């Protein structure tokens, strides 16, 4: 299994997932500023040329949520996803896909002081509704699905964490407490050192 990665990219989230699982894999570091052989190889695998990209045998998986979902299901013994027939799968999928489909687009536009001209037609809605949704679905205690930490926390919580780190999201006390719990996990600490150092320096 090969994980195409850069420590200052979204691949830090899938690196976190891999560390939570504790599975062996080959980490291939990509310098996105130079046209290296590794970057050329990445573009052949993923025409977007984006990170993360995971290669497992003949399978190429892209997108943070897809990679985390794939890994959680590939290693069910690690219990980072509800069982396939579990009622918790509904909430699990919501947390996985709301991050990239709804939350990130709104904050990406907001970072450039851009508002969608007609948010009713946008799949991600508007900032007001996204903020309200974040507040409602962020767990008061424990994790997204209750007492059991899952890939939903890596994806959803990981995005909230990065938005706060980069000053894009002003966290409420509930969101801040959830992020603080995430930051105590050993796998988080081992994969987010570059971000931790950046925060300390700022």
N, C-alpha and C. Protein backbone atom coordinates (compact mmCIF):
# COMPACT_ATOMS: atom_id res chain seq x y z
N UNK A 1 0.85 -1.19 0.00
CA UNK A 1 0.00 0.00 0.00
C UNK A 1 0.88 1.24 0.00
N UNK A 2 0.58 2.18 -0.91
CA UNK A 2 1.36 3.41 -1.03
C UNK A 2 0.49 4.62 -0.73
N UNK A 3 1.04 5.52 0.08
CA UNK A 3 0.32 6.74 0.46
C UNK A 3 1.12 7.94 -0.04
N UNK A 4 0.56 8.64 -1.00
CA UNK A 4 1.21 9.84 -1.54
C UNK A 4 0.84 11.02 -0.65
N UNK A 5 1.88 11.75 -0.22
CA UNK A 5 1.72 12.56 1.00
C UNK A 5 2.60 13.81 0.97
N UNK A 6 2.11 14.86 1.61
CA UNK A 6 2.91 16.03 1.94
C UNK A 6 2.40 16.51 3.30
N UNK A 7 3.29 16.81 4.25
CA UNK A 7 2.85 17.11 5.62
C UNK A 7 2.03 18.39 5.75
N UNK A 8 2.06 19.25 4.72
CA UNK A 8 1.27 20.48 4.77
C UNK A 8 0.12 20.42 3.77
N UNK A 9 -0.42 19.24 3.57
CA UNK A 9 -1.54 19.05 2.66
C UNK A 9 -2.67 18.31 3.38
N UNK A 10 -3.75 18.08 2.67
CA UNK A 10 -4.86 17.32 3.24
C UNK A 10 -4.45 15.88 3.54
N UNK A 11 -3.33 15.45 3.01
CA UNK A 11 -2.86 14.09 3.28
C UNK A 11 -2.48 13.89 4.74
N UNK A 12 -2.36 14.98 5.50
CA UNK A 12 -2.09 14.82 6.92
C UNK A 12 -3.25 14.08 7.59
N UNK A 13 -4.46 14.26 7.06
CA UNK A 13 -5.62 13.59 7.63
C UNK A 13 -5.59 12.09 7.36
N UNK A 14 -5.25 11.71 6.14
CA UNK A 14 -5.17 10.28 5.84
C UNK A 14 -3.95 9.64 6.50
N UNK A 15 -2.90 10.41 6.69
CA UNK A 15 -1.75 9.93 7.46
C UNK A 15 -2.18 9.63 8.89
N UNK A 16 -2.98 10.52 9.45
CA UNK A 16 -3.54 10.31 10.80
C UNK A 16 -4.36 9.02 10.83
N UNK A 17 -5.19 8.82 9.81
CA UNK A 17 -6.01 7.61 9.75
C UNK A 17 -5.13 6.36 9.71
N UNK A 18 -4.10 6.39 8.89
CA UNK A 18 -3.19 5.26 8.79
C UNK A 18 -2.50 4.99 10.12
N UNK A 19 -2.15 6.04 10.84
CA UNK A 19 -1.50 5.87 12.15
C UNK A 19 -2.49 5.33 13.18
N UNK A 20 -3.74 5.76 13.11
CA UNK A 20 -4.76 5.21 14.01
C UNK A 20 -4.91 3.71 13.79
N UNK A 21 -4.83 3.29 12.53
CA UNK A 21 -4.95 1.88 12.20
C UNK A 21 -3.70 1.09 12.56
N UNK A 22 -2.56 1.78 12.50
CA UNK A 22 -1.30 1.12 12.81
C UNK A 22 -0.90 0.06 11.80
N UNK A 23 -1.15 0.34 10.51
CA UNK A 23 -0.84 -0.64 9.46
C UNK A 23 0.40 -0.22 8.68
N UNK A 24 1.11 -1.20 8.16
CA UNK A 24 2.31 -0.93 7.38
C UNK A 24 1.93 -0.39 6.00
N UNK A 25 2.67 0.60 5.56
CA UNK A 25 2.44 1.18 4.24
C UNK A 25 3.68 1.97 3.83
N UNK A 26 3.77 2.27 2.57
CA UNK A 26 4.89 3.07 2.05
C UNK A 26 4.43 4.52 1.92
N UNK A 27 5.14 5.39 2.60
CA UNK A 27 4.82 6.83 2.53
C UNK A 27 5.68 7.47 1.44
N UNK A 28 5.04 8.02 0.43
CA UNK A 28 5.76 8.65 -0.67
C UNK A 28 5.56 10.16 -0.57
N UNK A 29 6.61 10.87 -0.17
CA UNK A 29 6.52 12.32 0.00
C UNK A 29 6.58 13.02 -1.35
N UNK A 30 5.67 13.96 -1.53
CA UNK A 30 5.57 14.69 -2.78
C UNK A 30 5.87 16.16 -2.55
N UNK A 31 6.82 16.69 -3.31
CA UNK A 31 7.10 18.13 -3.32
C UNK A 31 6.27 18.73 -4.45
N UNK A 32 5.22 19.45 -4.10
CA UNK A 32 4.30 19.98 -5.10
C UNK A 32 4.86 21.21 -5.81
N UNK A 33 6.05 21.66 -5.38
CA UNK A 33 6.64 22.86 -6.00
C UNK A 33 7.64 22.52 -7.11
N UNK A 34 7.95 21.24 -7.28
CA UNK A 34 8.90 20.86 -8.32
C UNK A 34 8.34 19.68 -9.12
N UNK A 35 8.71 19.61 -10.38
CA UNK A 35 8.19 18.56 -11.25
C UNK A 35 9.05 17.30 -11.12
N UNK A 36 8.99 16.72 -9.93
CA UNK A 36 9.81 15.55 -9.61
C UNK A 36 9.22 14.29 -10.24
N UNK A 37 10.00 13.22 -10.34
CA UNK A 37 9.46 11.95 -10.84
C UNK A 37 8.28 11.47 -10.01
N UNK A 38 8.33 11.72 -8.69
CA UNK A 38 7.24 11.29 -7.81
C UNK A 38 5.95 12.06 -8.15
N UNK A 39 6.09 13.35 -8.45
CA UNK A 39 4.91 14.14 -8.80
C UNK A 39 4.36 13.69 -10.15
N UNK A 40 5.24 13.39 -11.09
CA UNK A 40 4.78 12.88 -12.39
C UNK A 40 4.04 11.55 -12.22
N UNK A 41 4.56 10.71 -11.34
CA UNK A 41 3.90 9.43 -11.06
C UNK A 41 2.53 9.66 -10.43
N UNK A 42 2.46 10.60 -9.51
CA UNK A 42 1.19 10.93 -8.88
C UNK A 42 0.16 11.37 -9.92
N UNK A 43 0.58 12.20 -10.86
CA UNK A 43 -0.36 12.70 -11.88
C UNK A 43 -0.84 11.60 -12.81
N UNK A 44 -0.05 10.57 -12.99
CA UNK A 44 -0.50 9.43 -13.79
C UNK A 44 -1.57 8.64 -13.03
N UNK A 45 -1.40 8.55 -11.72
CA UNK A 45 -2.37 7.83 -10.90
C UNK A 45 -3.63 8.65 -10.66
N UNK A 46 -3.44 9.93 -10.43
CA UNK A 46 -4.53 10.84 -10.11
C UNK A 46 -4.39 12.07 -10.99
N UNK A 47 -5.14 12.17 -12.09
CA UNK A 47 -5.00 13.29 -13.02
C UNK A 47 -5.16 14.67 -12.36
N UNK A 48 -5.82 14.72 -11.20
CA UNK A 48 -5.92 15.98 -10.46
C UNK A 48 -4.57 16.42 -9.91
N UNK A 49 -3.66 15.45 -9.75
CA UNK A 49 -2.36 15.77 -9.16
C UNK A 49 -2.48 16.23 -7.73
N UNK A 50 -3.50 15.73 -7.03
CA UNK A 50 -3.80 16.21 -5.68
C UNK A 50 -3.46 15.14 -4.64
N UNK A 51 -3.23 15.64 -3.44
CA UNK A 51 -3.01 14.78 -2.28
C UNK A 51 -4.21 14.91 -1.34
N UNK A 52 -4.52 13.78 -0.67
CA UNK A 52 -3.85 12.49 -0.68
C UNK A 52 -4.29 11.60 -1.84
N UNK A 53 -3.44 10.64 -2.15
CA UNK A 53 -3.77 9.56 -3.07
C UNK A 53 -3.24 8.28 -2.45
N UNK A 54 -4.08 7.25 -2.43
CA UNK A 54 -3.71 5.97 -1.84
C UNK A 54 -3.77 4.91 -2.93
N UNK A 55 -2.74 4.08 -3.00
CA UNK A 55 -2.71 2.98 -3.96
C UNK A 55 -2.63 1.67 -3.17
N UNK A 56 -3.61 0.83 -3.37
CA UNK A 56 -3.66 -0.47 -2.70
C UNK A 56 -3.80 -1.53 -3.78
N UNK A 57 -2.67 -2.12 -4.17
CA UNK A 57 -2.69 -3.08 -5.26
C UNK A 57 -3.07 -2.39 -6.55
N UNK A 58 -4.15 -2.82 -7.18
CA UNK A 58 -4.61 -2.22 -8.42
C UNK A 58 -5.57 -1.05 -8.18
N UNK A 59 -5.90 -0.80 -6.94
CA UNK A 59 -6.90 0.22 -6.61
C UNK A 59 -6.24 1.57 -6.32
N UNK A 60 -6.74 2.62 -6.93
CA UNK A 60 -6.31 3.98 -6.65
C UNK A 60 -7.48 4.70 -6.00
N UNK A 61 -7.26 5.18 -4.79
CA UNK A 61 -8.32 5.88 -4.06
C UNK A 61 -7.88 7.31 -3.81
N UNK A 62 -8.74 8.25 -4.14
CA UNK A 62 -8.47 9.66 -3.88
C UNK A 62 -9.58 10.22 -2.99
N UNK A 63 -9.39 11.42 -2.50
CA UNK A 63 -10.33 12.15 -1.63
C UNK A 63 -10.21 11.63 -0.20
N UNK A 64 -10.09 12.58 0.72
CA UNK A 64 -9.86 12.25 2.13
C UNK A 64 -10.91 11.30 2.68
N UNK A 65 -12.18 11.64 2.52
CA UNK A 65 -13.25 10.82 3.09
C UNK A 65 -13.28 9.42 2.48
N UNK A 66 -13.06 9.35 1.16
CA UNK A 66 -13.08 8.05 0.49
C UNK A 66 -11.94 7.16 0.99
N UNK A 67 -10.77 7.73 1.15
CA UNK A 67 -9.62 6.97 1.63
C UNK A 67 -9.86 6.48 3.06
N UNK A 68 -10.34 7.36 3.92
CA UNK A 68 -10.59 6.97 5.31
C UNK A 68 -11.68 5.92 5.40
N UNK A 69 -12.74 6.06 4.60
CA UNK A 69 -13.81 5.07 4.61
C UNK A 69 -13.30 3.73 4.09
N UNK A 70 -12.51 3.77 3.04
CA UNK A 70 -11.94 2.54 2.47
C UNK A 70 -11.07 1.82 3.49
N UNK A 71 -10.21 2.56 4.16
CA UNK A 71 -9.31 1.95 5.13
C UNK A 71 -10.06 1.39 6.33
N UNK A 72 -11.06 2.12 6.80
CA UNK A 72 -11.83 1.65 7.94
C UNK A 72 -12.54 0.34 7.62
N UNK A 73 -13.05 0.22 6.40
CA UNK A 73 -13.75 -1.01 6.01
C UNK A 73 -12.79 -2.14 5.67
N UNK A 74 -11.60 -1.78 5.22
CA UNK A 74 -10.61 -2.81 4.88
C UNK A 74 -10.08 -3.50 6.14
N UNK A 75 -10.04 -2.76 7.23
CA UNK A 75 -9.52 -3.30 8.48
C UNK A 75 -10.60 -3.24 9.57
N UNK A 76 -11.68 -4.01 9.43
CA UNK A 76 -12.79 -3.93 10.39
C UNK A 76 -12.39 -4.30 11.81
N UNK A 77 -11.33 -5.09 11.93
CA UNK A 77 -10.89 -5.49 13.27
C UNK A 77 -10.37 -4.31 14.09
N UNK A 78 -10.03 -3.21 13.42
CA UNK A 78 -9.56 -2.01 14.11
C UNK A 78 -10.71 -1.19 14.68
N UNK A 79 -11.93 -1.49 14.24
CA UNK A 79 -13.15 -0.88 14.77
C UNK A 79 -13.17 0.64 14.65
N UNK A 80 -12.76 1.13 13.49
CA UNK A 80 -12.83 2.56 13.22
C UNK A 80 -14.02 2.91 12.34
N UNK A 81 -14.93 1.96 12.17
CA UNK A 81 -16.19 2.20 11.48
C UNK A 81 -17.25 1.31 12.11
N UNK A 82 -18.50 1.76 12.13
CA UNK A 82 -19.57 0.88 12.61
C UNK A 82 -19.70 -0.33 11.69
N UNK A 83 -20.23 -1.41 12.20
CA UNK A 83 -20.46 -2.58 11.37
C UNK A 83 -21.41 -2.22 10.23
N UNK A 84 -21.29 -2.94 9.13
CA UNK A 84 -22.07 -2.61 7.93
C UNK A 84 -23.57 -2.58 8.18
N UNK A 85 -24.06 -3.44 9.05
CA UNK A 85 -25.50 -3.49 9.31
C UNK A 85 -25.91 -2.66 10.52
N UNK A 86 -24.99 -1.85 11.03
CA UNK A 86 -25.28 -1.04 12.21
C UNK A 86 -26.12 0.18 11.85
N UNK A 87 -27.02 0.54 12.76
CA UNK A 87 -27.83 1.75 12.57
C UNK A 87 -26.96 3.00 12.59
N UNK A 88 -25.77 2.91 13.19
CA UNK A 88 -24.88 4.06 13.26
C UNK A 88 -24.27 4.43 11.90
N UNK A 89 -24.40 3.54 10.93
CA UNK A 89 -23.84 3.82 9.60
C UNK A 89 -24.41 5.11 9.00
N UNK A 90 -25.67 5.40 9.28
CA UNK A 90 -26.30 6.61 8.71
C UNK A 90 -25.58 7.86 9.18
N UNK A 91 -25.39 7.99 10.49
CA UNK A 91 -24.68 9.15 11.03
C UNK A 91 -23.21 9.14 10.61
N UNK A 92 -22.64 7.97 10.57
CA UNK A 92 -21.24 7.82 10.16
C UNK A 92 -21.02 8.40 8.77
N UNK A 93 -21.88 8.04 7.82
CA UNK A 93 -21.74 8.55 6.46
C UNK A 93 -21.95 10.06 6.43
N UNK A 94 -22.88 10.56 7.21
CA UNK A 94 -23.11 12.00 7.23
C UNK A 94 -21.85 12.75 7.65
N UNK A 95 -21.23 12.31 8.74
CA UNK A 95 -20.01 12.97 9.21
C UNK A 95 -18.89 12.87 8.17
N UNK A 96 -18.77 11.72 7.53
CA UNK A 96 -17.71 11.54 6.55
C UNK A 96 -17.84 12.52 5.39
N UNK A 97 -19.06 12.68 4.89
CA UNK A 97 -19.22 13.40 3.62
C UNK A 97 -19.64 14.85 3.75
N UNK A 98 -20.12 15.26 4.90
CA UNK A 98 -20.46 16.66 5.07
C UNK A 98 -19.20 17.52 5.12
N UNK A 99 -18.10 16.92 5.54
CA UNK A 99 -16.86 17.70 5.67
C UNK A 99 -16.41 18.27 4.33
N UNK A 100 -16.19 17.41 3.35
CA UNK A 100 -15.69 17.88 2.06
C UNK A 100 -16.75 18.42 1.14
N UNK A 101 -17.99 17.93 1.28
CA UNK A 101 -19.05 18.33 0.37
C UNK A 101 -19.72 19.64 0.75
N UNK A 102 -19.74 19.95 2.04
CA UNK A 102 -20.51 21.10 2.52
C UNK A 102 -19.67 22.11 3.28
N UNK A 103 -18.94 21.63 4.29
CA UNK A 103 -18.22 22.56 5.16
C UNK A 103 -17.04 23.21 4.45
N UNK A 104 -16.18 22.40 3.85
CA UNK A 104 -14.96 22.96 3.24
C UNK A 104 -15.25 23.95 2.11
N UNK A 105 -16.20 23.69 1.20
CA UNK A 105 -16.45 24.67 0.14
C UNK A 105 -16.83 26.05 0.67
N UNK A 106 -17.65 26.09 1.72
CA UNK A 106 -18.06 27.38 2.29
C UNK A 106 -16.87 28.14 2.84
N UNK A 107 -16.01 27.46 3.57
CA UNK A 107 -14.87 28.14 4.18
C UNK A 107 -13.78 28.46 3.16
N UNK A 108 -13.70 27.67 2.10
CA UNK A 108 -12.75 27.98 1.03
C UNK A 108 -13.14 29.30 0.37
N UNK A 109 -14.41 29.48 0.08
CA UNK A 109 -14.87 30.74 -0.50
C UNK A 109 -14.69 31.89 0.49
N UNK A 110 -15.04 31.64 1.76
CA UNK A 110 -14.96 32.70 2.76
C UNK A 110 -13.52 33.18 2.97
N UNK A 111 -12.55 32.27 2.81
CA UNK A 111 -11.14 32.65 2.98
C UNK A 111 -10.71 33.70 1.97
N UNK A 112 -11.40 33.74 0.83
CA UNK A 112 -11.11 34.74 -0.20
C UNK A 112 -12.18 35.83 -0.25
N UNK A 113 -12.96 35.89 0.84
CA UNK A 113 -14.03 36.89 0.95
C UNK A 113 -14.99 36.82 -0.22
N UNK A 114 -15.34 35.58 -0.58
CA UNK A 114 -16.26 35.36 -1.68
C UNK A 114 -17.54 34.72 -1.14
N UNK A 115 -18.68 35.22 -1.58
CA UNK A 115 -19.95 34.63 -1.26
C UNK A 115 -20.59 34.11 -2.54
N UNK A 116 -21.15 32.93 -2.48
CA UNK A 116 -21.86 32.42 -3.66
C UNK A 116 -23.03 33.36 -3.97
N UNK A 117 -23.20 33.76 -5.23
CA UNK A 117 -24.25 34.73 -5.57
C UNK A 117 -25.66 34.23 -5.28
N UNK A 118 -25.85 32.92 -5.27
CA UNK A 118 -27.17 32.36 -4.99
C UNK A 118 -27.00 31.06 -4.22
N UNK A 119 -26.74 31.16 -2.90
CA UNK A 119 -26.41 29.97 -2.12
C UNK A 119 -27.50 28.91 -2.10
N UNK A 120 -28.74 29.29 -2.42
CA UNK A 120 -29.81 28.30 -2.45
C UNK A 120 -29.52 27.23 -3.50
N UNK A 121 -28.83 27.62 -4.56
CA UNK A 121 -28.54 26.67 -5.64
C UNK A 121 -27.24 25.91 -5.41
N UNK A 122 -26.46 26.32 -4.42
CA UNK A 122 -25.17 25.67 -4.14
C UNK A 122 -25.39 24.43 -3.26
N UNK A 123 -24.70 23.36 -3.59
CA UNK A 123 -24.84 22.14 -2.81
C UNK A 123 -24.45 22.30 -1.36
N UNK A 124 -23.62 23.30 -1.07
CA UNK A 124 -23.12 23.47 0.30
C UNK A 124 -23.85 24.58 1.06
N UNK A 125 -24.79 25.27 0.43
CA UNK A 125 -25.55 26.28 1.16
C UNK A 125 -24.75 27.53 1.45
N UNK A 126 -24.93 28.10 2.64
CA UNK A 126 -24.27 29.35 2.99
C UNK A 126 -23.61 29.23 4.36
N UNK A 127 -22.83 30.24 4.70
CA UNK A 127 -22.04 30.21 5.94
C UNK A 127 -22.92 30.08 7.17
N UNK A 128 -24.02 30.81 7.21
CA UNK A 128 -24.89 30.78 8.39
C UNK A 128 -25.39 29.38 8.68
N UNK A 129 -25.86 28.69 7.64
CA UNK A 129 -26.40 27.35 7.84
C UNK A 129 -25.29 26.33 8.15
N UNK A 130 -24.13 26.53 7.52
CA UNK A 130 -23.02 25.62 7.80
C UNK A 130 -22.55 25.76 9.24
N UNK A 131 -22.45 26.99 9.73
CA UNK A 131 -22.04 27.21 11.12
C UNK A 131 -23.05 26.60 12.09
N UNK A 132 -24.34 26.75 11.78
CA UNK A 132 -25.37 26.17 12.64
C UNK A 132 -25.28 24.65 12.64
N UNK A 133 -24.99 24.08 11.48
CA UNK A 133 -24.89 22.62 11.37
C UNK A 133 -23.68 22.10 12.14
N UNK A 134 -22.54 22.78 12.00
CA UNK A 134 -21.35 22.39 12.76
C UNK A 134 -21.65 22.36 14.25
N UNK A 135 -22.31 23.40 14.72
CA UNK A 135 -22.62 23.50 16.15
C UNK A 135 -23.54 22.37 16.60
N UNK A 136 -24.51 22.04 15.78
CA UNK A 136 -25.48 21.01 16.16
C UNK A 136 -24.85 19.62 16.17
N UNK A 137 -24.04 19.30 15.15
CA UNK A 137 -23.57 17.92 15.03
C UNK A 137 -22.24 17.66 15.74
N UNK A 138 -21.56 18.70 16.21
CA UNK A 138 -20.34 18.47 17.00
C UNK A 138 -20.71 17.86 18.34
N UNK A 139 -20.11 16.76 18.72
CA UNK A 139 -20.49 16.10 19.98
C UNK A 139 -20.08 16.92 21.21
N UNK A 140 -20.96 16.92 22.20
CA UNK A 140 -20.67 17.63 23.45
C UNK A 140 -19.58 16.90 24.23
N UNK A 141 -19.64 15.58 24.20
CA UNK A 141 -18.64 14.75 24.88
C UNK A 141 -18.27 13.61 23.95
N UNK A 142 -17.17 12.96 24.22
CA UNK A 142 -16.78 11.80 23.44
C UNK A 142 -16.57 12.13 21.98
N UNK A 143 -17.11 11.26 21.12
CA UNK A 143 -16.82 11.34 19.70
C UNK A 143 -18.08 11.45 18.87
N UNK A 144 -17.91 11.55 17.57
CA UNK A 144 -19.05 11.79 16.68
C UNK A 144 -20.15 10.76 16.85
N UNK A 145 -19.78 9.50 17.04
CA UNK A 145 -20.77 8.44 17.16
C UNK A 145 -20.98 7.98 18.60
N UNK A 146 -20.48 8.75 19.54
CA UNK A 146 -20.64 8.38 20.94
C UNK A 146 -19.32 8.14 21.62
N UNK A 147 -19.20 7.04 22.33
CA UNK A 147 -17.99 6.75 23.09
C UNK A 147 -16.87 6.18 22.23
N UNK A 148 -17.20 5.70 21.02
CA UNK A 148 -16.22 5.03 20.17
C UNK A 148 -15.66 5.99 19.13
N UNK A 149 -14.35 6.20 19.15
CA UNK A 149 -13.67 7.01 18.14
C UNK A 149 -13.69 6.26 16.81
N UNK A 150 -14.01 6.97 15.71
CA UNK A 150 -14.08 6.34 14.39
C UNK A 150 -13.45 7.24 13.33
N UNK A 151 -13.46 6.74 12.11
CA UNK A 151 -12.98 7.53 10.97
C UNK A 151 -13.79 8.80 10.80
N UNK A 152 -15.03 8.82 11.28
CA UNK A 152 -15.84 10.04 11.20
C UNK A 152 -15.16 11.18 11.94
N UNK A 153 -14.50 10.87 13.04
CA UNK A 153 -13.79 11.91 13.81
C UNK A 153 -12.53 12.36 13.09
N UNK A 154 -11.86 11.44 12.42
CA UNK A 154 -10.67 11.81 11.66
C UNK A 154 -11.04 12.80 10.56
N UNK A 155 -12.13 12.51 9.84
CA UNK A 155 -12.51 13.34 8.69
C UNK A 155 -13.19 14.63 9.13
N UNK A 156 -14.26 14.52 9.88
CA UNK A 156 -15.02 15.69 10.33
C UNK A 156 -14.20 16.51 11.32
N UNK A 157 -13.70 15.85 12.36
CA UNK A 157 -12.91 16.56 13.36
C UNK A 157 -11.62 17.09 12.79
N UNK A 158 -11.01 16.34 11.88
CA UNK A 158 -9.77 16.80 11.26
C UNK A 158 -9.96 18.07 10.47
N UNK A 159 -11.10 18.19 9.78
CA UNK A 159 -11.37 19.41 9.03
C UNK A 159 -11.60 20.59 9.97
N UNK A 160 -12.40 20.38 11.02
CA UNK A 160 -12.63 21.46 11.97
C UNK A 160 -11.31 21.93 12.58
N UNK A 161 -10.46 20.98 12.92
CA UNK A 161 -9.15 21.29 13.50
C UNK A 161 -8.32 22.15 12.57
N UNK A 162 -8.28 21.80 11.28
CA UNK A 162 -7.47 22.57 10.34
C UNK A 162 -8.06 23.96 10.11
N UNK A 163 -9.38 24.06 10.10
CA UNK A 163 -10.01 25.38 9.93
C UNK A 163 -9.67 26.30 11.11
N UNK A 164 -9.64 25.73 12.30
CA UNK A 164 -9.27 26.52 13.48
C UNK A 164 -7.79 26.88 13.45
N UNK A 165 -6.94 25.92 13.09
CA UNK A 165 -5.50 26.17 13.04
C UNK A 165 -5.15 27.31 12.08
N UNK A 166 -5.85 27.37 10.96
CA UNK A 166 -5.57 28.40 9.96
C UNK A 166 -6.39 29.67 10.18
N UNK A 167 -7.12 29.73 11.28
CA UNK A 167 -7.86 30.94 11.61
C UNK A 167 -9.10 31.18 10.78
N UNK A 168 -9.55 30.15 10.09
CA UNK A 168 -10.73 30.30 9.23
C UNK A 168 -12.01 30.14 10.02
N UNK A 169 -11.99 29.30 11.04
CA UNK A 169 -13.16 29.04 11.86
C UNK A 169 -12.90 29.51 13.28
N UNK A 170 -13.81 30.32 13.78
CA UNK A 170 -13.77 30.72 15.19
C UNK A 170 -14.63 29.73 15.95
N UNK A 171 -13.99 28.86 16.71
CA UNK A 171 -14.69 27.75 17.33
C UNK A 171 -15.48 28.19 18.56
N UNK A 172 -16.67 27.64 18.70
CA UNK A 172 -17.44 27.80 19.93
C UNK A 172 -16.77 26.97 21.02
N UNK A 173 -17.24 27.10 22.23
CA UNK A 173 -16.64 26.33 23.33
C UNK A 173 -16.82 24.83 23.10
N UNK A 174 -17.96 24.43 22.54
CA UNK A 174 -18.20 23.00 22.30
C UNK A 174 -17.27 22.47 21.21
N UNK A 175 -17.13 23.21 20.14
CA UNK A 175 -16.24 22.79 19.05
C UNK A 175 -14.79 22.78 19.52
N UNK A 176 -14.40 23.80 20.27
CA UNK A 176 -13.03 23.87 20.79
C UNK A 176 -12.72 22.69 21.71
N UNK A 177 -13.68 22.30 22.52
CA UNK A 177 -13.47 21.16 23.43
C UNK A 177 -13.33 19.86 22.66
N UNK A 178 -14.11 19.70 21.60
CA UNK A 178 -14.01 18.51 20.75
C UNK A 178 -12.64 18.45 20.08
N UNK A 179 -12.19 19.57 19.54
CA UNK A 179 -10.88 19.62 18.89
C UNK A 179 -9.78 19.33 19.91
N UNK A 180 -9.92 19.84 21.12
CA UNK A 180 -8.92 19.58 22.17
C UNK A 180 -8.82 18.08 22.45
N UNK A 181 -9.95 17.39 22.44
CA UNK A 181 -9.92 15.94 22.67
C UNK A 181 -9.19 15.23 21.53
N UNK A 182 -9.45 15.67 20.29
CA UNK A 182 -8.77 15.08 19.14
C UNK A 182 -7.26 15.26 19.25
N UNK A 183 -6.84 16.42 19.68
CA UNK A 183 -5.41 16.75 19.73
C UNK A 183 -4.65 15.97 20.81
N UNK A 184 -5.36 15.28 21.66
CA UNK A 184 -4.72 14.47 22.69
C UNK A 184 -4.41 13.06 22.20
N UNK A 185 -4.94 12.69 21.06
CA UNK A 185 -4.71 11.34 20.56
C UNK A 185 -3.28 11.20 20.06
N UNK A 186 -2.65 10.08 20.38
CA UNK A 186 -1.24 9.88 20.02
C UNK A 186 -1.04 9.91 18.51
N UNK A 187 -1.98 9.34 17.76
CA UNK A 187 -1.84 9.33 16.30
C UNK A 187 -1.95 10.74 15.73
N UNK A 188 -2.79 11.57 16.35
CA UNK A 188 -2.88 12.98 15.93
C UNK A 188 -1.54 13.68 16.17
N UNK A 189 -1.01 13.52 17.36
CA UNK A 189 0.24 14.20 17.71
C UNK A 189 1.37 13.79 16.78
N UNK A 190 1.43 12.51 16.44
CA UNK A 190 2.54 12.01 15.61
C UNK A 190 2.42 12.46 14.16
N UNK A 191 1.23 12.87 13.72
CA UNK A 191 1.05 13.24 12.31
C UNK A 191 0.88 14.73 12.09
N UNK A 192 0.68 15.49 13.14
CA UNK A 192 0.39 16.91 12.98
C UNK A 192 1.50 17.82 13.52
N UNK A 193 2.71 17.29 13.62
CA UNK A 193 3.78 18.07 14.23
C UNK A 193 4.04 19.38 13.50
N UNK A 194 3.98 19.34 12.15
CA UNK A 194 4.22 20.58 11.38
C UNK A 194 3.19 21.64 11.73
N UNK A 195 1.93 21.22 11.91
CA UNK A 195 0.89 22.16 12.26
C UNK A 195 1.04 22.64 13.70
N UNK A 196 1.44 21.72 14.59
CA UNK A 196 1.65 22.09 15.98
C UNK A 196 2.76 23.12 16.09
N UNK A 197 3.87 22.88 15.36
CA UNK A 197 4.99 23.83 15.38
C UNK A 197 4.55 25.19 14.83
N UNK A 198 3.76 25.18 13.80
CA UNK A 198 3.29 26.43 13.20
C UNK A 198 2.45 27.22 14.19
N UNK A 199 1.62 26.52 14.95
CA UNK A 199 0.77 27.16 15.94
C UNK A 199 1.60 27.77 17.07
N UNK A 200 2.63 27.02 17.51
CA UNK A 200 3.50 27.51 18.58
C UNK A 200 4.24 28.77 18.13
N UNK A 201 4.74 28.77 16.90
CA UNK A 201 5.50 29.90 16.38
C UNK A 201 4.63 31.15 16.21
N UNK A 202 3.36 30.93 15.86
CA UNK A 202 2.46 32.07 15.68
C UNK A 202 1.96 32.57 17.03
